Amino acid sequence: MGNTKSKKQAGRTERSPSKPELSQPAKDTPRQQAPSQNPSAKPGKDAAKTPGSKASAKDEGQSFSVKRLEEVFAKYKEEDDDQIGPAGMEKFCQDLEVDPEDVVTLVIAYHMKAQQMGCFTREEFMKGFETLGLDTIDKIRKYLPKFRAELTDPVTFKNIYRFTFDFSKEPQQKCIDIEIAQALITLLLVDRHPLATSFLDFLKQQDSYKGLNVDQWTSLLEFCKTIDTNFANYDENGAWPCVLDEWVTWVKEKKEEEGAAEAS
């Protein structure tokens, strides 16, 4: 999921029992009072279920079930390990009808608090979806629009963007591989910030940077949010990481060369 290295019950309406006919009492026989109902008495088998009750909620698939969620996890987990691996992730995405490279998979991983790209541990999967109240593939699939909507909230998006760095790097490493960084920038920034495409072009033509550290990663988002597309408000004496300064220099030199070529 988000793996750049390899990567949906109707309520039953019961017929009320027909009302029995009351026989006409004898002329001089006093009418007997019907026994009062005991509020605490349990309803019979044919009693209609009241909307909103636990039973009706279960019939409609509205209540959360840990057992159902465990069955979902078991469907995708590896045979010899208590986690969902790359193959299980691919099948999980297939059943959700989403591409493993879809940005929504990063949002799901964010809610799972996943520690490693391409897999979910049992604890991550169970705790994450239990918090969301989702216990079937159908419910998760129907929740996808809400996952996508979170990307439009600036604060949530920033949290997801920051989460992606730790999620994507190798354990014990301080940087994410430059190729993975490029893929994630394409997923997260290109459609939201025009400058992101230019930064990708810069990364592809250089060979000095083999990865991006957390400061470079987080600064890139801030740069794209605050700096004009023509770099008019860029301050070369600002505290931007060197990779961003070098990017701006590269863009300006490229424009100068293109302008000179057009003039000649």
C-alpha atoms as a PDB file:
ATOM      1  CA  MET A   1       0.000   0.000   0.000  1.00  0.00           C
ATOM      2  CA  GLY A   2       1.574   3.156  -1.136  1.00  0.00           C
ATOM      3  CA  ASN A   3       4.298   0.648  -2.018  1.00  0.00           C
ATOM      4  CA  THR A   4       6.659   2.232  -4.483  1.00  0.00           C
ATOM      5  CA  LYS A   5       9.246  -0.537  -3.990  1.00  0.00           C
ATOM      6  CA  SER A   6       7.574  -3.508  -5.731  1.00  0.00           C
ATOM      7  CA  LYS A   7       2.371  -3.061  -3.998  1.00  0.00           C
ATOM      8  CA  LYS A   8     -18.107  -3.564   0.453  1.00  0.00           C
ATOM      9  CA  GLN A   9     -27.119  -6.591   5.225  1.00  0.00           C
ATOM     10  CA  ALA A  10     -30.765  -5.646   4.803  1.00  0.00           C
ATOM     11  CA  GLY A  11     -33.050  -5.363   7.758  1.00  0.00           C
ATOM     12  CA  ARG A  12     -35.635  -8.096   7.880  1.00  0.00           C
ATOM     13  CA  THR A  13     -39.185  -6.910   8.186  1.00  0.00           C
ATOM     14  CA  GLU A  14     -41.103  -9.390  10.277  1.00  0.00           C
ATOM     15  CA  ARG A  15     -44.833  -9.768  10.025  1.00  0.00           C
ATOM     16  CA  SER A  16     -46.582  -8.897  13.258  1.00  0.00           C
ATOM     17  CA  PRO A  17     -48.713 -11.758  14.517  1.00  0.00           C
ATOM     18  CA  SER A  18     -52.384 -11.373  13.545  1.00  0.00           C
ATOM     19  CA  LYS A  19     -54.564 -10.014  16.334  1.00  0.00           C
ATOM     20  CA  PRO A  20     -56.754 -12.771  17.770  1.00  0.00           C
ATOM     21  CA  GLU A  21     -60.520 -12.188  17.734  1.00  0.00           C
ATOM     22  CA  LEU A  22     -62.099 -11.596  21.164  1.00  0.00           C
ATOM     23  CA  SER A  23     -65.183 -13.753  21.874  1.00  0.00           C
ATOM     24  CA  GLN A  24     -68.394 -11.895  22.912  1.00  0.00           C
ATOM     25  CA  PRO A  25     -68.723 -12.103  26.713  1.00  0.00           C
ATOM     26  CA  ALA A  26     -71.869 -13.622  28.272  1.00  0.00           C
ATOM     27  CA  LYS A  27     -74.641 -11.100  29.054  1.00  0.00           C
ATOM     28  CA  ASP A  28     -74.349 -11.145  32.840  1.00  0.00           C
ATOM     29  CA  THR A  29     -70.740 -12.156  33.003  1.00  0.00           C
ATOM     30  CA  PRO A  30     -68.409  -9.327  33.979  1.00  0.00           C
ATOM     31  CA  ARG A  31     -65.736  -8.603  31.411  1.00  0.00           C
ATOM     32  CA  GLN A  32     -62.357  -9.815  32.535  1.00  0.00           C
ATOM     33  CA  GLN A  33     -59.527  -7.323  32.462  1.00  0.00           C
ATOM     34  CA  ALA A  34     -56.612  -8.182  30.248  1.00  0.00           C
ATOM     35  CA  PRO A  35     -53.521  -8.820  32.294  1.00  0.00           C
ATOM     36  CA  SER A  36     -51.163  -5.872  32.351  1.00  0.00           C
ATOM     37  CA  GLN A  37     -47.951  -6.263  30.426  1.00  0.00           C
ATOM     38  CA  ASN A  38     -44.739  -6.612  32.366  1.00  0.00           C
ATOM     39  CA  PRO A  39     -42.270  -4.046  30.986  1.00  0.00           C
ATOM     40  CA  SER A  40     -39.390  -6.243  31.949  1.00  0.00           C
ATOM     41  CA  ALA A  41     -40.745  -9.331  30.209  1.00  0.00           C
ATOM     42  CA  LYS A  42     -38.725 -10.553  27.249  1.00  0.00           C
ATOM     43  CA  PRO A  43     -40.470 -10.301  23.878  1.00  0.00           C
ATOM     44  CA  GLY A  44     -41.454 -13.475  22.115  1.00  0.00           C
ATOM     45  CA  LYS A  45     -39.735 -14.822  19.067  1.00  0.00           C
ATOM     46  CA  ASP A  46     -42.146 -13.061  16.694  1.00  0.00           C
ATOM     47  CA  ALA A  47     -41.865  -9.652  18.332  1.00  0.00           C
ATOM     48  CA  ALA A  48     -40.931  -7.006  15.795  1.00  0.00           C
ATOM     49  CA  LYS A  49     -37.496  -5.477  16.211  1.00  0.00           C
ATOM     50  CA  THR A  50     -37.454  -1.837  17.116  1.00  0.00           C
ATOM     51  CA  PRO A  51     -35.457   0.411  14.782  1.00  0.00           C
ATOM     52  CA  GLY A  52     -32.270   1.591  16.451  1.00  0.00           C
ATOM     53  CA  SER A  53     -32.010  -1.423  18.743  1.00  0.00           C
ATOM     54  CA  LYS A  54     -28.752  -3.380  18.873  1.00  0.00           C
ATOM     55  CA  ALA A  55     -30.335  -6.264  17.010  1.00  0.00           C
ATOM     56  CA  SER A  56     -31.597  -4.101  14.163  1.00  0.00           C
ATOM     57  CA  ALA A  57     -28.262  -2.251  13.981  1.00  0.00           C
ATOM     58  CA  LYS A  58     -26.482  -5.578  13.632  1.00  0.00           C
ATOM     59  CA  ASP A  59     -28.887  -6.724  10.926  1.00  0.00           C
ATOM     60  CA  GLU A  60     -28.186  -3.530   9.008  1.00  0.00           C
ATOM     61  CA  GLY A  61     -24.432  -3.952   9.336  1.00  0.00           C
ATOM     62  CA  GLN A  62     -24.019  -0.812  11.443  1.00  0.00           C
ATOM     63  CA  SER A  63     -22.417  -2.227  14.584  1.00  0.00           C
ATOM     64  CA  PHE A  64     -18.682  -2.839  14.818  1.00  0.00           C
ATOM     65  CA  SER A  65     -17.429  -6.386  15.236  1.00  0.00           C
ATOM     66  CA  VAL A  66     -13.862  -7.253  16.190  1.00  0.00           C
ATOM     67  CA  LYS A  67     -14.496 -10.776  14.911  1.00  0.00           C
ATOM     68  CA  ARG A  68     -15.454  -9.491  11.440  1.00  0.00           C
ATOM     69  CA  LEU A  69     -12.348  -7.320  11.330  1.00  0.00           C
ATOM     70  CA  GLU A  70     -10.178 -10.262  12.361  1.00  0.00           C
ATOM     71  CA  GLU A  71     -11.674 -12.218   9.451  1.00  0.00           C
ATOM     72  CA  VAL A  72     -10.681  -9.415   7.089  1.00  0.00           C
ATOM     73  CA  PHE A  73      -7.139  -9.422   8.436  1.00  0.00           C
ATOM     74  CA  ALA A  74      -6.920 -13.224   8.152  1.00  0.00           C
ATOM     75  CA  LYS A  75      -7.908 -13.028   4.489  1.00  0.00           C
ATOM     76  CA  TYR A  76      -4.833 -10.994   3.587  1.00  0.00           C
ATOM     77  CA  LYS A  77      -2.195 -12.006   6.143  1.00  0.00           C
ATOM     78  CA  GLU A  78       0.823 -14.041   5.211  1.00  0.00           C
ATOM     79  CA  GLU A  79       0.664 -17.766   5.917  1.00  0.00           C
ATOM     80  CA  ASP A  80       3.844 -17.841   7.955  1.00  0.00           C
ATOM     81  CA  ASP A  81       3.754 -14.384   9.532  1.00  0.00           C
ATOM     82  CA  ASP A  82       1.165 -12.423  11.534  1.00  0.00           C
ATOM     83  CA  GLN A  83       1.140  -9.459   9.191  1.00  0.00           C
ATOM     84  CA  ILE A  84      -0.146  -8.406   5.773  1.00  0.00           C
ATOM     85  CA  GLY A  85       2.782  -8.395   3.351  1.00  0.00           C
ATOM     86  CA  PRO A  86       3.190  -7.042  -0.190  1.00  0.00           C
ATOM     87  CA  ALA A  87       1.104  -9.787  -1.819  1.00  0.00           C
ATOM     88  CA  GLY A  88      -1.678  -9.334   0.737  1.00  0.00           C
ATOM     89  CA  MET A  89      -1.515  -5.574   0.287  1.00  0.00           C
ATOM     90  CA  GLU A  90      -1.984  -5.964  -3.446  1.00  0.00           C
ATOM     91  CA  LYS A  91      -5.045  -8.177  -2.915  1.00  0.00           C
ATOM     92  CA  PHE A  92      -6.381  -5.772  -0.253  1.00  0.00           C
ATOM     93  CA  CYS A  93      -6.131  -2.850  -2.692  1.00  0.00           C
ATOM     94  CA  GLN A  94      -7.673  -4.951  -5.445  1.00  0.00           C
ATOM     95  CA  ASP A  95     -10.707  -5.721  -3.256  1.00  0.00           C
ATOM     96  CA  LEU A  96     -10.968  -2.020  -2.356  1.00  0.00           C
ATOM     97  CA  GLU A  97     -10.846  -1.252  -6.091  1.00  0.00           C
ATOM     98  CA  VAL A  98      -7.931   1.144  -5.751  1.00  0.00           C
ATOM     99  CA  ASP A  99      -4.509   1.169  -7.364  1.00  0.00           C
ATOM    100  CA  PRO A 100      -1.724   0.368  -4.866  1.00  0.00           C
ATOM    101  CA  GLU A 101      -0.042   3.571  -6.064  1.00  0.00           C
ATOM    102  CA  ASP A 102      -3.155   5.685  -5.354  1.00  0.00           C
ATOM    103  CA  VAL A 103      -2.456   8.449  -2.832  1.00  0.00           C
ATOM    104  CA  VAL A 104      -5.434   7.255  -0.762  1.00  0.00           C
ATOM    105  CA  THR A 105      -3.344   4.258   0.284  1.00  0.00           C
ATOM    106  CA  LEU A 106      -1.023   6.657   2.101  1.00  0.00           C
ATOM    107  CA  VAL A 107      -4.011   8.077   3.993  1.00  0.00           C
ATOM    108  CA  ILE A 108      -5.020   4.564   5.050  1.00  0.00           C
ATOM    109  CA  ALA A 109      -1.456   3.814   6.163  1.00  0.00           C
ATOM    110  CA  TYR A 110      -1.491   7.092   8.132  1.00  0.00           C
ATOM    111  CA  HIS A 111      -4.604   5.971  10.053  1.00  0.00           C
ATOM    112  CA  MET A 112      -3.025   2.580  10.690  1.00  0.00           C
ATOM    113  CA  LYS A 113       0.073   4.345  12.037  1.00  0.00           C
ATOM    114  CA  ALA A 114       2.021   1.915   9.894  1.00  0.00           C
ATOM    115  CA  GLN A 115       5.735   1.742  10.546  1.00  0.00           C
ATOM    116  CA  GLN A 116       6.885   0.175   7.307  1.00  0.00           C
ATOM    117  CA  MET A 117       5.926   0.559   3.671  1.00  0.00           C
ATOM    118  CA  GLY A 118       4.304  -2.473   2.068  1.00  0.00           C
ATOM    119  CA  CYS A 119       2.936  -4.187   5.172  1.00  0.00           C
ATOM    120  CA  PHE A 120       0.493  -3.892   8.073  1.00  0.00           C
ATOM    121  CA  THR A 121       1.059  -5.695  11.359  1.00  0.00           C
ATOM    122  CA  ARG A 122      -1.966  -7.225  13.111  1.00  0.00           C
ATOM    123  CA  GLU A 123      -1.831  -4.507  15.775  1.00  0.00           C
ATOM    124  CA  GLU A 124      -1.693  -1.692  13.212  1.00  0.00           C
ATOM    125  CA  PHE A 125      -4.554  -3.119  11.141  1.00  0.00           C
ATOM    126  CA  MET A 126      -6.836  -3.986  14.076  1.00  0.00           C
ATOM    127  CA  LYS A 127      -6.304  -0.788  16.065  1.00  0.00           C
ATOM    128  CA  GLY A 128      -6.499   1.456  13.023  1.00  0.00           C
ATOM    129  CA  PHE A 129      -9.753   0.141  11.598  1.00  0.00           C
ATOM    130  CA  GLU A 130     -11.321  -0.344  15.047  1.00  0.00           C
ATOM    131  CA  THR A 131     -10.724   3.351  15.742  1.00  0.00           C
ATOM    132  CA  LEU A 132     -12.454   4.153  12.449  1.00  0.00           C
ATOM    133  CA  GLY A 133     -15.293   1.707  13.141  1.00  0.00           C
ATOM    134  CA  LEU A 134     -14.686  -0.204   9.911  1.00  0.00           C
ATOM    135  CA  ASP A 135     -14.856  -3.997  10.008  1.00  0.00           C
ATOM    136  CA  THR A 136     -15.565  -5.134   6.434  1.00  0.00           C
ATOM    137  CA  ILE A 137     -14.073  -4.489   3.016  1.00  0.00           C
ATOM    138  CA  ASP A 138     -17.395  -2.966   1.910  1.00  0.00           C
ATOM    139  CA  LYS A 139     -17.303  -0.439   4.778  1.00  0.00           C
ATOM    140  CA  ILE A 140     -13.686   0.451   4.070  1.00  0.00           C
ATOM    141  CA  ARG A 141     -14.452   0.903   0.366  1.00  0.00           C
ATOM    142  CA  LYS A 142     -17.382   3.205   1.156  1.00  0.00           C
ATOM    143  CA  TYR A 143     -15.106   5.224   3.457  1.00  0.00           C
ATOM    144  CA  LEU A 144     -12.575   5.959   0.704  1.00  0.00           C
ATOM    145  CA  PRO A 145     -14.135   9.370  -0.221  1.00  0.00           C
ATOM    146  CA  LYS A 146     -13.647  10.465   3.401  1.00  0.00           C
ATOM    147  CA  PHE A 147     -10.023   9.373   3.283  1.00  0.00           C
ATOM    148  CA  ARG A 148      -9.522  11.431   0.111  1.00  0.00           C
ATOM    149  CA  ALA A 149     -11.274  14.458   1.644  1.00  0.00           C
ATOM    150  CA  GLU A 150      -8.666  14.529   4.425  1.00  0.00           C
ATOM    151  CA  LEU A 151      -6.076  15.519   1.832  1.00  0.00           C
ATOM    152  CA  THR A 152      -7.909  18.822   1.291  1.00  0.00           C
ATOM    153  CA  ASP A 153      -7.497  19.889   4.916  1.00  0.00           C
ATOM    154  CA  PRO A 154      -4.170  21.759   5.266  1.00  0.00           C
ATOM    155  CA  VAL A 155      -3.421  20.560   8.792  1.00  0.00           C
ATOM    156  CA  THR A 156      -4.283  16.918   8.109  1.00  0.00           C
ATOM    157  CA  PHE A 157      -2.415  16.992   4.816  1.00  0.00           C
ATOM    158  CA  LYS A 158       0.696  18.315   6.537  1.00  0.00           C
ATOM    159  CA  ASN A 159       0.472  15.495   9.090  1.00  0.00           C
ATOM    160  CA  ILE A 160       0.069  12.881   6.349  1.00  0.00           C
ATOM    161  CA  TYR A 161       2.971  14.391   4.403  1.00  0.00           C
ATOM    162  CA  ARG A 162       5.223  14.282   7.468  1.00  0.00           C
ATOM    163  CA  PHE A 163       4.085  10.732   8.314  1.00  0.00           C
ATOM    164  CA  THR A 164       5.009   9.613   4.800  1.00  0.00           C
ATOM    165  CA  PHE A 165       8.687  10.362   5.389  1.00  0.00           C
ATOM    166  CA  ASP A 166       9.082   7.933   8.312  1.00  0.00           C
ATOM    167  CA  PHE A 167       6.758   5.427   6.646  1.00  0.00           C
ATOM    168  CA  SER A 168       8.811   5.383   3.438  1.00  0.00           C
ATOM    169  CA  LYS A 169      12.411   5.314   4.626  1.00  0.00           C
ATOM    170  CA  GLU A 170      14.297   2.169   5.460  1.00  0.00           C
ATOM    171  CA  PRO A 171      14.572   1.331   9.175  1.00  0.00           C
ATOM    172  CA  GLN A 172      17.594   2.932  10.806  1.00  0.00           C
ATOM    173  CA  GLN A 173      18.092   5.242   7.804  1.00  0.00           C
ATOM    174  CA  LYS A 174      17.887   9.032   8.086  1.00  0.00           C
ATOM    175  CA  CYS A 175      16.915   9.658   4.453  1.00  0.00           C
ATOM    176  CA  ILE A 176      14.412   8.368   1.944  1.00  0.00           C
ATOM    177  CA  ASP A 177      15.843   7.111  -1.334  1.00  0.00           C
ATOM    178  CA  ILE A 178      15.752   9.764  -4.056  1.00  0.00           C
ATOM    179  CA  GLU A 179      13.647   7.599  -6.394  1.00  0.00           C
ATOM    180  CA  ILE A 180      11.099   6.943  -3.663  1.00  0.00           C
ATOM    181  CA  ALA A 181      11.100  10.652  -2.831  1.00  0.00           C
ATOM    182  CA  GLN A 182      10.336  11.482  -6.463  1.00  0.00           C
ATOM    183  CA  ALA A 183       7.433   9.012  -6.535  1.00  0.00           C
ATOM    184  CA  LEU A 184       5.992  10.400  -3.288  1.00  0.00           C
ATOM    185  CA  ILE A 185       6.362  14.017  -4.435  1.00  0.00           C
ATOM    186  CA  THR A 186       4.430  13.041  -7.567  1.00  0.00           C
ATOM    187  CA  LEU A 187       1.679  11.495  -5.446  1.00  0.00           C
ATOM    188  CA  LEU A 188       1.434  14.192  -2.803  1.00  0.00           C
ATOM    189  CA  LEU A 189       2.530  17.512  -4.286  1.00  0.00           C
ATOM    190  CA  VAL A 190       2.387  17.690  -8.090  1.00  0.00           C
ATOM    191  CA  ASP A 191      -1.404  18.098  -8.268  1.00  0.00           C
ATOM    192  CA  ARG A 192      -1.425  20.587  -5.377  1.00  0.00           C
ATOM    193  CA  HIS A 193       1.606  22.797  -5.875  1.00  0.00           C
ATOM    194  CA  PRO A 194       2.882  23.917  -9.320  1.00  0.00           C
ATOM    195  CA  LEU A 195       6.484  24.233  -8.133  1.00  0.00           C
ATOM    196  CA  ALA A 196       6.680  20.524  -7.329  1.00  0.00           C
ATOM    197  CA  THR A 197       7.065  19.558 -10.995  1.00  0.00           C
ATOM    198  CA  SER A 198      10.035  21.883 -11.382  1.00  0.00           C
ATOM    199  CA  PHE A 199      11.682  20.382  -8.298  1.00  0.00           C
ATOM    200  CA  LEU A 200      11.209  16.909  -9.747  1.00  0.00           C
ATOM    201  CA  ASP A 201      12.880  18.011 -12.971  1.00  0.00           C
ATOM    202  CA  PHE A 202      15.803  19.283 -10.920  1.00  0.00           C
ATOM    203  CA  LEU A 203      16.151  16.018  -8.987  1.00  0.00           C
ATOM    204  CA  LYS A 204      16.116  13.936 -12.167  1.00  0.00           C
ATOM    205  CA  GLN A 205      18.992  15.817 -13.789  1.00  0.00           C
ATOM    206  CA  GLN A 206      21.320  15.953 -10.758  1.00  0.00           C
ATOM    207  CA  ASP A 207      23.444  13.228  -9.178  1.00  0.00           C
ATOM    208  CA  SER A 208      24.644  14.878  -5.968  1.00  0.00           C
ATOM    209  CA  TYR A 209      21.652  13.934  -3.820  1.00  0.00           C
ATOM    210  CA  LYS A 210      20.949  10.249  -3.354  1.00  0.00           C
ATOM    211  CA  GLY A 211      18.128  10.874  -0.871  1.00  0.00           C
ATOM    212  CA  LEU A 212      16.261  13.513   1.116  1.00  0.00           C
ATOM    213  CA  ASN A 213      16.452  13.951   4.877  1.00  0.00           C
ATOM    214  CA  VAL A 214      13.536  15.011   7.078  1.00  0.00           C
ATOM    215  CA  ASP A 215      14.486  18.714   7.029  1.00  0.00           C
ATOM    216  CA  GLN A 216      14.701  18.761   3.242  1.00  0.00           C
ATOM    217  CA  TRP A 217      11.399  16.826   2.982  1.00  0.00           C
ATOM    218  CA  THR A 218       9.387  19.080   5.299  1.00  0.00           C
ATOM    219  CA  SER A 219      10.980  22.273   3.953  1.00  0.00           C
ATOM    220  CA  LEU A 220       9.944  21.349   0.416  1.00  0.00           C
ATOM    221  CA  LEU A 221       6.255  21.454   1.389  1.00  0.00           C
ATOM    222  CA  GLU A 222       6.672  24.810   3.101  1.00  0.00           C
ATOM    223  CA  PHE A 223       8.603  26.177   0.137  1.00  0.00           C
ATOM    224  CA  CYS A 224       5.902  25.107  -2.329  1.00  0.00           C
ATOM    225  CA  LYS A 225       3.211  26.679  -0.127  1.00  0.00           C
ATOM    226  CA  THR A 226       4.903  30.041   0.411  1.00  0.00           C
ATOM    227  CA  ILE A 227       7.159  30.820  -2.565  1.00  0.00           C
ATOM    228  CA  ASP A 228       5.769  32.258  -5.815  1.00  0.00           C
ATOM    229  CA  THR A 229       6.064  30.123  -8.921  1.00  0.00           C
ATOM    230  CA  ASN A 230       8.488  32.683 -10.410  1.00  0.00           C
ATOM    231  CA  PHE A 231      10.523  32.736  -7.153  1.00  0.00           C
ATOM    232  CA  ALA A 232       9.853  36.485  -6.817  1.00  0.00           C
ATOM    233  CA  ASN A 233       9.619  36.281  -3.004  1.00  0.00           C
ATOM    234  CA  TYR A 234      12.469  33.808  -2.633  1.00  0.00           C
ATOM    235  CA  ASP A 235      15.239  35.026  -0.316  1.00  0.00           C
ATOM    236  CA  GLU A 236      18.604  33.536  -1.142  1.00  0.00           C
ATOM    237  CA  ASN A 237      19.727  34.385   2.379  1.00  0.00           C
ATOM    238  CA  GLY A 238      16.813  32.518   3.893  1.00  0.00           C
ATOM    239  CA  ALA A 239      17.220  29.375   5.957  1.00  0.00           C
ATOM    240  CA  TRP A 240      16.217  26.935   3.213  1.00  0.00           C
ATOM    241  CA  PRO A 241      18.126  23.652   2.839  1.00  0.00           C
ATOM    242  CA  CYS A 242      20.892  23.739   0.231  1.00  0.00           C
ATOM    243  CA  VAL A 243      19.027  21.407  -2.114  1.00  0.00           C
ATOM    244  CA  LEU A 244      16.268  24.018  -2.476  1.00  0.00           C
ATOM    245  CA  ASP A 245      18.759  26.842  -3.022  1.00  0.00           C
ATOM    246  CA  GLU A 246      20.510  24.795  -5.681  1.00  0.00           C
ATOM    247  CA  TRP A 247      17.143  24.083  -7.320  1.00  0.00           C
ATOM    248  CA  VAL A 248      16.331  27.799  -7.589  1.00  0.00           C
ATOM    249  CA  THR A 249      19.787  28.531  -9.012  1.00  0.00           C
ATOM    250  CA  TRP A 250      19.336  25.749 -11.576  1.00  0.00           C
ATOM    251  CA  VAL A 251      15.941  27.125 -12.678  1.00  0.00           C
ATOM    252  CA  LYS A 252      17.264  30.658 -13.053  1.00  0.00           C
ATOM    253  CA  GLU A 253      20.330  29.573 -15.003  1.00  0.00           C
ATOM    254  CA  LYS A 254      18.168  27.413 -17.243  1.00  0.00           C
ATOM    255  CA  LYS A 255      15.907  30.379 -18.018  1.00  0.00           C
ATOM    256  CA  GLU A 256      18.897  32.574 -18.782  1.00  0.00           C
ATOM    257  CA  GLU A 257      20.261  29.980 -21.180  1.00  0.00           C
ATOM    258  CA  GLU A 258      16.880  29.615 -22.878  1.00  0.00           C
ATOM    259  CA  GLY A 259      16.567  33.394 -23.170  1.00  0.00           C
ATOM    260  CA  ALA A 260      20.032  33.687 -24.702  1.00  0.00           C
ATOM    261  CA  ALA A 261      19.253  30.922 -27.163  1.00  0.00           C
ATOM    262  CA  GLU A 262      16.072  32.668 -28.265  1.00  0.00           C
ATOM    263  CA  ALA A 263      17.904  35.986 -28.691  1.00  0.00           C
ATOM    264  CA  SER A 264      20.604  34.526 -30.912  1.00  0.00           C
END
